[in-house]
PDB file of N, CA and C in Angstrom:
ATOM      1  N   MET A   1       9.988  28.775  -4.649  1.00  0.00           N
ATOM      2  CA  MET A   1       9.349  27.355  -4.897  1.00  0.00           C
ATOM      3  C   MET A   1       9.353  26.611  -6.379  1.00  0.00           C
ATOM      4  N   LYS A   2       9.151  25.694  -6.380  1.00  0.00           N
ATOM      5  CA  LYS A   2       9.377  24.380  -7.188  1.00  0.00           C
ATOM      6  C   LYS A   2       8.291  23.410  -6.987  1.00  0.00           C
ATOM      7  N   LYS A   3       7.261  23.315  -8.087  1.00  0.00           N
ATOM      8  CA  LYS A   3       6.766  21.680  -8.212  1.00  0.00           C
ATOM      9  C   LYS A   3       6.928  20.891  -9.697  1.00  0.00           C
ATOM     10  N   VAL A   4       7.259  19.390  -8.950  1.00  0.00           N
ATOM     11  CA  VAL A   4       7.607  18.919  -9.935  1.00  0.00           C
ATOM     12  C   VAL A   4       6.689  17.193  -9.662  1.00  0.00           C
ATOM     13  N   LYS A   5       6.915  16.333 -10.637  1.00  0.00           N
ATOM     14  CA  LYS A   5       5.700  15.386 -10.270  1.00  0.00           C
ATOM     15  C   LYS A   5       7.001  14.248 -10.289  1.00  0.00           C
ATOM     16  N   ILE A   6       6.762  13.467  -8.959  1.00  0.00           N
ATOM     17  CA  ILE A   6       7.930  12.281  -8.846  1.00  0.00           C
ATOM     18  C   ILE A   6       7.109  10.726  -8.594  1.00  0.00           C
ATOM     19  N   ASP A   7       7.989   9.967  -9.046  1.00  0.00           N
ATOM     20  CA  ASP A   7       7.589   8.495  -8.650  1.00  0.00           C
ATOM     21  C   ASP A   7       8.247   8.190  -7.663  1.00  0.00           C
ATOM     22  N   LEU A   8       7.379   7.266  -6.282  1.00  0.00           N
ATOM     23  CA  LEU A   8       7.529   6.675  -5.581  1.00  0.00           C
ATOM     24  C   LEU A   8       6.888   5.281  -5.258  1.00  0.00           C
ATOM     25  N   GLY A   9       7.131   4.589  -6.418  1.00  0.00           N
ATOM     26  CA  GLY A   9       6.010   3.206  -6.435  1.00  0.00           C
ATOM     27  C   GLY A   9       6.803   1.827  -5.667  1.00  0.00           C
ATOM     28  N   ASN A  10       7.564   2.208  -5.183  1.00  0.00           N
ATOM     29  CA  ASN A  10       7.841   0.919  -4.147  1.00  0.00           C
ATOM     30  C   ASN A  10       8.623   1.620  -2.577  1.00  0.00           C
ATOM     31  N   MET A  11       8.857   0.617  -1.466  1.00  0.00           N
ATOM     32  CA  MET A  11       9.479   0.740  -0.121  1.00  0.00           C
ATOM     33  C   MET A  11      10.914   1.284  -0.641  1.00  0.00           C
ATOM     34  N   ASP A  12      11.524   0.710  -1.356  1.00  0.00           N
ATOM     35  CA  ASP A  12      13.097   1.291  -1.418  1.00  0.00           C
ATOM     36  C   ASP A  12      13.126   2.588  -2.021  1.00  0.00           C
ATOM     37  N   LYS A  13      12.235   2.723  -3.053  1.00  0.00           N
ATOM     38  CA  LYS A  13      12.161   4.564  -3.853  1.00  0.00           C
ATOM     39  C   LYS A  13      11.632   5.461  -2.294  1.00  0.00           C
ATOM     40  N   VAL A  14      10.766   5.119  -1.360  1.00  0.00           N
ATOM     41  CA  VAL A  14      10.384   6.096  -0.503  1.00  0.00           C
ATOM     42  C   VAL A  14      11.309   6.141   0.647  1.00  0.00           C
ATOM     43  N   LYS A  15      11.966   5.207   0.834  1.00  0.00           N
ATOM     44  CA  LYS A  15      13.202   4.950   2.112  1.00  0.00           C
ATOM     45  C   LYS A  15      14.242   6.003   1.376  1.00  0.00           C
ATOM     46  N   LYS A  16      14.784   5.936   0.343  1.00  0.00           N
ATOM     47  CA  LYS A  16      15.907   6.719  -0.568  1.00  0.00           C
ATOM     48  C   LYS A  16      15.615   7.833  -0.588  1.00  0.00           C
ATOM     49  N   PHE A  17      13.783   8.300  -0.879  1.00  0.00           N
ATOM     50  CA  PHE A  17      13.917   9.725  -0.866  1.00  0.00           C
ATOM     51  C   PHE A  17      13.853  10.406   0.383  1.00  0.00           C
ATOM     52  N   VAL A  18      13.490   9.271   1.216  1.00  0.00           N
ATOM     53  CA  VAL A  18      13.050  10.236   2.879  1.00  0.00           C
ATOM     54  C   VAL A  18      14.700  10.413   3.314  1.00  0.00           C
ATOM     55  N   ASP A  19      15.699   9.531   2.870  1.00  0.00           N
ATOM     56  CA  ASP A  19      16.837   9.999   3.492  1.00  0.00           C
ATOM     57  C   ASP A  19      17.599  11.188   2.639  1.00  0.00           C
ATOM     58  N   LYS A  20      16.872  11.727   1.599  1.00  0.00           N
ATOM     59  CA  LYS A  20      17.412  12.889   0.576  1.00  0.00           C
ATOM     60  C   LYS A  20      16.927  13.900   1.083  1.00  0.00           C
ATOM     61  N   THR A  21      15.510  13.986   1.382  1.00  0.00           N
ATOM     62  CA  THR A  21      14.908  15.112   2.104  1.00  0.00           C
ATOM     63  C   THR A  21      14.758  15.460   3.316  1.00  0.00           C
ATOM     64  N   GLY A  22      15.136  14.327   4.021  1.00  0.00           N
ATOM     65  CA  GLY A  22      15.347  14.551   5.729  1.00  0.00           C
ATOM     66  C   GLY A  22      16.599  15.658   5.759  1.00  0.00           C
ATOM     67  N   LYS A  23      17.461  15.905   4.737  1.00  0.00           N
ATOM     68  CA  LYS A  23      18.574  16.416   5.196  1.00  0.00           C
ATOM     69  C   LYS A  23      18.617  18.150   4.585  1.00  0.00           C
ATOM     70  N   LEU A  24      17.360  17.945   4.119  1.00  0.00           N
ATOM     71  CA  LEU A  24      17.179  19.818   3.788  1.00  0.00           C
ATOM     72  C   LEU A  24      16.562  20.246   4.434  1.00  0.00           C
ATOM     73  N   ASP A  25      17.242  21.916   4.786  1.00  0.00           N
ATOM     74  CA  ASP A  25      16.632  22.680   5.445  1.00  0.00           C
ATOM     75  C   ASP A  25      15.121  23.769   4.917  1.00  0.00           C
ATOM     76  N   PHE A  26      14.444  22.878   4.516  1.00  0.00           N
ATOM     77  CA  PHE A  26      13.490  23.813   3.985  1.00  0.00           C
ATOM     78  C   PHE A  26      12.259  22.751   3.711  1.00  0.00           C
ATOM     79  N   ASP A  27      10.840  23.437   3.968  1.00  0.00           N
ATOM     80  CA  ASP A  27       9.916  22.198   3.958  1.00  0.00           C
ATOM     81  C   ASP A  27       9.810  21.814   2.175  1.00  0.00           C
ATOM     82  N   VAL A  28       8.963  20.706   2.680  1.00  0.00           N
ATOM     83  CA  VAL A  28       9.074  19.512   1.514  1.00  0.00           C
ATOM     84  C   VAL A  28       7.575  18.724   1.383  1.00  0.00           C
ATOM     85  N   ASP A  29       6.579  19.136   0.354  1.00  0.00           N
ATOM     86  CA  ASP A  29       5.874  18.714   0.700  1.00  0.00           C
ATOM     87  C   ASP A  29       5.155  17.840  -0.437  1.00  0.00           C
ATOM     88  N   LEU A  30       4.277  16.777  -0.587  1.00  0.00           N
ATOM     89  CA  LEU A  30       3.909  15.745  -1.343  1.00  0.00           C
ATOM     90  C   LEU A  30       2.334  15.851  -1.319  1.00  0.00           C
ATOM     91  N   THR A  31       1.719  16.338  -2.503  1.00  0.00           N
ATOM     92  CA  THR A  31       0.533  15.756  -2.794  1.00  0.00           C
ATOM     93  C   THR A  31      -0.154  14.956  -3.556  1.00  0.00           C
ATOM     94  N   SER A  32      -0.975  14.258  -3.589  1.00  0.00           N
ATOM     95  CA  SER A  32      -1.770  13.031  -4.298  1.00  0.00           C
ATOM     96  C   SER A  32      -3.257  13.769  -3.979  1.00  0.00           C
ATOM     97  N   ASP A  33      -3.968  13.914  -5.119  1.00  0.00           N
ATOM     98  CA  ASP A  33      -5.260  14.222  -5.268  1.00  0.00           C
ATOM     99  C   ASP A  33      -5.500  15.316  -4.230  1.00  0.00           C
ATOM    100  N   ARG A  34      -6.108  15.348  -2.813  1.00  0.00           N
ATOM    101  CA  ARG A  34      -6.545  15.937  -2.292  1.00  0.00           C
ATOM    102  C   ARG A  34      -5.725  16.184  -1.010  1.00  0.00           C
ATOM    103  N   TYR A  35      -4.417  15.452  -0.846  1.00  0.00           N
ATOM    104  CA  TYR A  35      -4.198  15.195   0.229  1.00  0.00           C
ATOM    105  C   TYR A  35      -2.687  15.868   0.207  1.00  0.00           C
ATOM    106  N   THR A  36      -2.111  16.324   1.033  1.00  0.00           N
ATOM    107  CA  THR A  36      -0.580  17.014   1.015  1.00  0.00           C
ATOM    108  C   THR A  36      -0.114  16.377   2.566  1.00  0.00           C
ATOM    109  N   VAL A  37       1.281  15.645   2.258  1.00  0.00           N
ATOM    110  CA  VAL A  37       1.810  15.359   3.441  1.00  0.00           C
ATOM    111  C   VAL A  37       3.088  15.942   3.625  1.00  0.00           C
ATOM    112  N   ASP A  38       3.942  16.164   4.908  1.00  0.00           N
ATOM    113  CA  ASP A  38       5.043  16.244   4.588  1.00  0.00           C
ATOM    114  C   ASP A  38       6.635  15.286   3.963  1.00  0.00           C
ATOM    115  N   GLY A  39       6.734  15.611   3.187  1.00  0.00           N
ATOM    116  CA  GLY A  39       7.742  14.824   2.271  1.00  0.00           C
ATOM    117  C   GLY A  39       9.214  14.578   2.821  1.00  0.00           C
ATOM    118  N   LYS A  40       9.246  14.765   4.197  1.00  0.00           N
ATOM    119  CA  LYS A  40      10.339  14.279   4.854  1.00  0.00           C
ATOM    120  C   LYS A  40       9.803  13.083   6.134  1.00  0.00           C
ATOM    121  N   SER A  41       8.633  12.756   6.053  1.00  0.00           N
ATOM    122  CA  SER A  41       7.768  11.735   6.677  1.00  0.00           C
ATOM    123  C   SER A  41       7.582  10.301   6.175  1.00  0.00           C
ATOM    124  N   ILE A  42       8.061   9.673   6.470  1.00  0.00           N
ATOM    125  CA  ILE A  42       7.920   8.158   5.809  1.00  0.00           C
ATOM    126  C   ILE A  42       6.482   7.770   5.681  1.00  0.00           C
ATOM    127  N   MET A  43       5.830   7.873   7.182  1.00  0.00           N
ATOM    128  CA  MET A  43       4.593   7.800   7.546  1.00  0.00           C
ATOM    129  C   MET A  43       3.636   8.189   6.574  1.00  0.00           C
ATOM    130  N   GLY A  44       3.876   9.686   6.745  1.00  0.00           N
ATOM    131  CA  GLY A  44       2.969  10.233   5.764  1.00  0.00           C
ATOM    132  C   GLY A  44       2.881   9.714   4.118  1.00  0.00           C
ATOM    133  N   ILE A  45       4.122   9.925   3.880  1.00  0.00           N
ATOM    134  CA  ILE A  45       4.135   9.496   2.489  1.00  0.00           C
ATOM    135  C   ILE A  45       3.551   8.142   2.188  1.00  0.00           C
ATOM    136  N   PHE A  46       3.521   7.127   3.017  1.00  0.00           N
ATOM    137  CA  PHE A  46       3.248   5.844   3.007  1.00  0.00           C
ATOM    138  C   PHE A  46       1.189   5.866   3.027  1.00  0.00           C
ATOM    139  N   SER A  47       0.992   7.174   3.759  1.00  0.00           N
ATOM    140  CA  SER A  47      -0.401   7.239   3.445  1.00  0.00           C
ATOM    141  C   SER A  47      -1.088   8.242   2.186  1.00  0.00           C
ATOM    142  N   LEU A  48      -0.301   7.868   1.108  1.00  0.00           N
ATOM    143  CA  LEU A  48      -0.608   8.497  -0.362  1.00  0.00           C
ATOM    144  C   LEU A  48      -0.580   7.193  -1.228  1.00  0.00           C
ATOM    145  N   ASP A  49      -1.916   7.979  -2.306  1.00  0.00           N
ATOM    146  CA  ASP A  49      -1.772   6.989  -3.324  1.00  0.00           C
ATOM    147  C   ASP A  49      -0.366   6.463  -4.296  1.00  0.00           C
ATOM    148  N   LEU A  50       0.552   5.976  -4.115  1.00  0.00           N
ATOM    149  CA  LEU A  50       1.841   5.861  -4.564  1.00  0.00           C
ATOM    150  C   LEU A  50       1.708   5.021  -5.836  1.00  0.00           C
ATOM    151  N   SER A  51       0.651   4.669  -6.373  1.00  0.00           N
ATOM    152  CA  SER A  51       0.519   3.898  -7.087  1.00  0.00           C
ATOM    153  C   SER A  51       0.863   4.639  -8.974  1.00  0.00           C
ATOM    154  N   LYS A  52       0.711   6.316  -8.700  1.00  0.00           N
ATOM    155  CA  LYS A  52       0.940   7.086  -9.583  1.00  0.00           C
ATOM    156  C   LYS A  52       2.026   7.643  -9.083  1.00  0.00           C
ATOM    157  N   PRO A  53       2.400   8.831  -9.791  1.00  0.00           N
ATOM    158  CA  PRO A  53       3.243  10.114  -9.877  1.00  0.00           C
ATOM    159  C   PRO A  53       2.568  10.827  -8.724  1.00  0.00           C
ATOM    160  N   VAL A  54       2.825  11.532  -7.956  1.00  0.00           N
ATOM    161  CA  VAL A  54       2.711  12.616  -6.735  1.00  0.00           C
ATOM    162  C   VAL A  54       3.238  13.846  -7.126  1.00  0.00           C
ATOM    163  N   GLU A  55       2.793  14.773  -6.577  1.00  0.00           N
ATOM    164  CA  GLU A  55       3.310  16.237  -6.938  1.00  0.00           C
ATOM    165  C   GLU A  55       4.427  16.904  -5.832  1.00  0.00           C
ATOM    166  N   LEU A  56       5.407  17.180  -5.827  1.00  0.00           N
ATOM    167  CA  LEU A  56       6.483  17.473  -4.873  1.00  0.00           C
ATOM    168  C   LEU A  56       6.679  18.817  -4.802  1.00  0.00           C
ATOM    169  N   THR A  57       6.513  19.493  -3.914  1.00  0.00           N
ATOM    170  CA  THR A  57       6.527  21.109  -3.861  1.00  0.00           C
ATOM    171  C   THR A  57       7.884  21.057  -3.329  1.00  0.00           C
ATOM    172  N   LEU A  58       8.756  22.007  -3.405  1.00  0.00           N
ATOM    173  CA  LEU A  58      10.069  22.592  -2.536  1.00  0.00           C
ATOM    174  C   LEU A  58       9.885  23.836  -2.331  1.00  0.00           C
ATOM    175  N   ASP A  59       9.993  24.294  -1.353  1.00  0.00           N
ATOM    176  CA  ASP A  59       9.970  25.849  -0.887  1.00  0.00           C
ATOM    177  C   ASP A  59      11.124  26.399  -0.334  1.00  0.00           C
ATOM    178  N   THR A  60      11.607  26.634  -1.505  1.00  0.00           N
ATOM    179  CA  THR A  60      13.310  27.398  -1.222  1.00  0.00           C
ATOM    180  C   THR A  60      13.232  27.934  -3.133  1.00  0.00           C
ATOM    181  N   GLU A  61      14.377  28.734  -2.862  1.00  0.00           N
ATOM    182  CA  GLU A  61      14.845  29.531  -3.975  1.00  0.00           C
ATOM    183  C   GLU A  61      16.341  29.454  -4.264  1.00  0.00           C
ATOM    184  N   GLY A  62      16.645  29.479  -5.571  1.00  0.00           N
ATOM    185  CA  GLY A  62      18.172  29.540  -5.816  1.00  0.00           C
ATOM    186  C   GLY A  62      19.061  28.327  -5.734  1.00  0.00           C
ATOM    187  N   PRO A  63      19.924  28.647  -5.099  1.00  0.00           N
ATOM    188  CA  PRO A  63      20.969  27.011  -5.332  1.00  0.00           C
ATOM    189  C   PRO A  63      20.713  26.348  -4.406  1.00  0.00           C
ATOM    190  N   MET A  64      20.402  26.511  -3.111  1.00  0.00           N
ATOM    191  CA  MET A  64      19.477  25.499  -2.389  1.00  0.00           C
ATOM    192  C   MET A  64      18.479  24.447  -3.494  1.00  0.00           C
ATOM    193  N   LEU A  65      17.875  25.582  -4.283  1.00  0.00           N
ATOM    194  CA  LEU A  65      16.657  24.532  -5.026  1.00  0.00           C
ATOM    195  C   LEU A  65      17.345  23.946  -6.113  1.00  0.00           C
ATOM    196  N   ASP A  66      18.447  24.062  -6.599  1.00  0.00           N
ATOM    197  CA  ASP A  66      19.038  23.839  -7.584  1.00  0.00           C
ATOM    198  C   ASP A  66      19.862  22.289  -7.283  1.00  0.00           C
ATOM    199  N   GLN A  67      20.301  22.734  -6.085  1.00  0.00           N
ATOM    200  CA  GLN A  67      20.893  21.269  -5.359  1.00  0.00           C
ATOM    201  C   GLN A  67      20.028  20.219  -4.912  1.00  0.00           C
ATOM    202  N   ALA A  68      18.648  20.821  -4.551  1.00  0.00           N
ATOM    203  CA  ALA A  68      17.716  19.670  -4.144  1.00  0.00           C
ATOM    204  C   ALA A  68      17.187  19.063  -5.465  1.00  0.00           C
ATOM    205  N   ILE A  69      16.976  19.829  -6.622  1.00  0.00           N
ATOM    206  CA  ILE A  69      16.635  19.254  -7.859  1.00  0.00           C
ATOM    207  C   ILE A  69      17.419  17.995  -8.108  1.00  0.00           C
ATOM    208  N   ASP A  70      19.028  18.576  -8.002  1.00  0.00           N
ATOM    209  CA  ASP A  70      20.134  17.597  -8.711  1.00  0.00           C
ATOM    210  C   ASP A  70      20.035  15.594  -7.759  1.00  0.00           C
ATOM    211  N   ASP A  71      19.882  16.565  -6.571  1.00  0.00           N
ATOM    212  CA  ASP A  71      19.451  15.368  -5.542  1.00  0.00           C
ATOM    213  C   ASP A  71      18.249  14.170  -5.849  1.00  0.00           C
ATOM    214  N   ILE A  72      17.354  14.694  -6.083  1.00  0.00           N
ATOM    215  CA  ILE A  72      16.521  14.286  -6.191  1.00  0.00           C
ATOM    216  C   ILE A  72      15.889  13.825  -7.942  1.00  0.00           C
ATOM    217  N   GLN A  73      16.622  13.916  -8.626  1.00  0.00           N
ATOM    218  CA  GLN A  73      16.401  13.818  -9.981  1.00  0.00           C
ATOM    219  C   GLN A  73      15.776  12.394 -10.203  1.00  0.00           C
ATOM    220  N   GLU A  74      16.502  11.556  -9.831  1.00  0.00           N
ATOM    221  CA  GLU A  74      16.172  10.111  -9.925  1.00  0.00           C
ATOM    222  C   GLU A  74      14.430   9.611 -10.133  1.00  0.00           C
ATOM    223  N   PHE A  75      13.788  10.799  -9.218  1.00  0.00           N
ATOM    224  CA  PHE A  75      12.228  10.303  -9.126  1.00  0.00           C
ATOM    225  C   PHE A  75      11.433  11.377  -9.606  1.00  0.00           C
ATOM    226  N   ILE A  76      12.195  12.028 -10.269  1.00  0.00           N
ATOM    227  CA  ILE A  76      11.470  13.174 -11.342  1.00  0.00           C
ATOM    228  C   ILE A  76      10.969  12.500 -12.507  1.00  0.00           C
ATOM    229  N   VAL A  77       9.819  12.506 -12.784  1.00  0.00           N
ATOM    230  CA  VAL A  77       9.158  12.003 -14.069  1.00  0.00           C
ATOM    231  C   VAL A  77       8.428  13.082 -14.789  1.00  0.00           C
ATOM    232  N   GLU A  78       8.435  13.130 -16.180  1.00  0.00           N
ATOM    233  CA  GLU A  78       8.161  14.105 -17.166  1.00  0.00           C
ATOM    234  C   GLU A  78       6.014  13.788 -17.149  1.00  0.00           C
ATOM    235  N   ASP A  79       5.859  15.230 -17.312  1.00  0.00           N
ATOM    236  CA  ASP A  79       4.384  15.235 -17.019  1.00  0.00           C
ATOM    237  C   ASP A  79       4.291  14.633 -18.475  1.00  0.00           C
TER     238      ASP A  79
END
């Protein structure tokens, strides 16, 4: 399991993010404040406050995790 902060500040970023996470074979969650939604659900993502970075939780290990991080690198922000 890995947690990173990501920026999904506009509609195009959200669509691109969901396209990438929808192909993953493991759970992907996004958390903003006290709300957690499925990171593969465009409607769920739009229910979050996207004006600031949100926490992404990738529920996998090993090569699948490394590949997922590479695929979403453009959304990751430094703390």
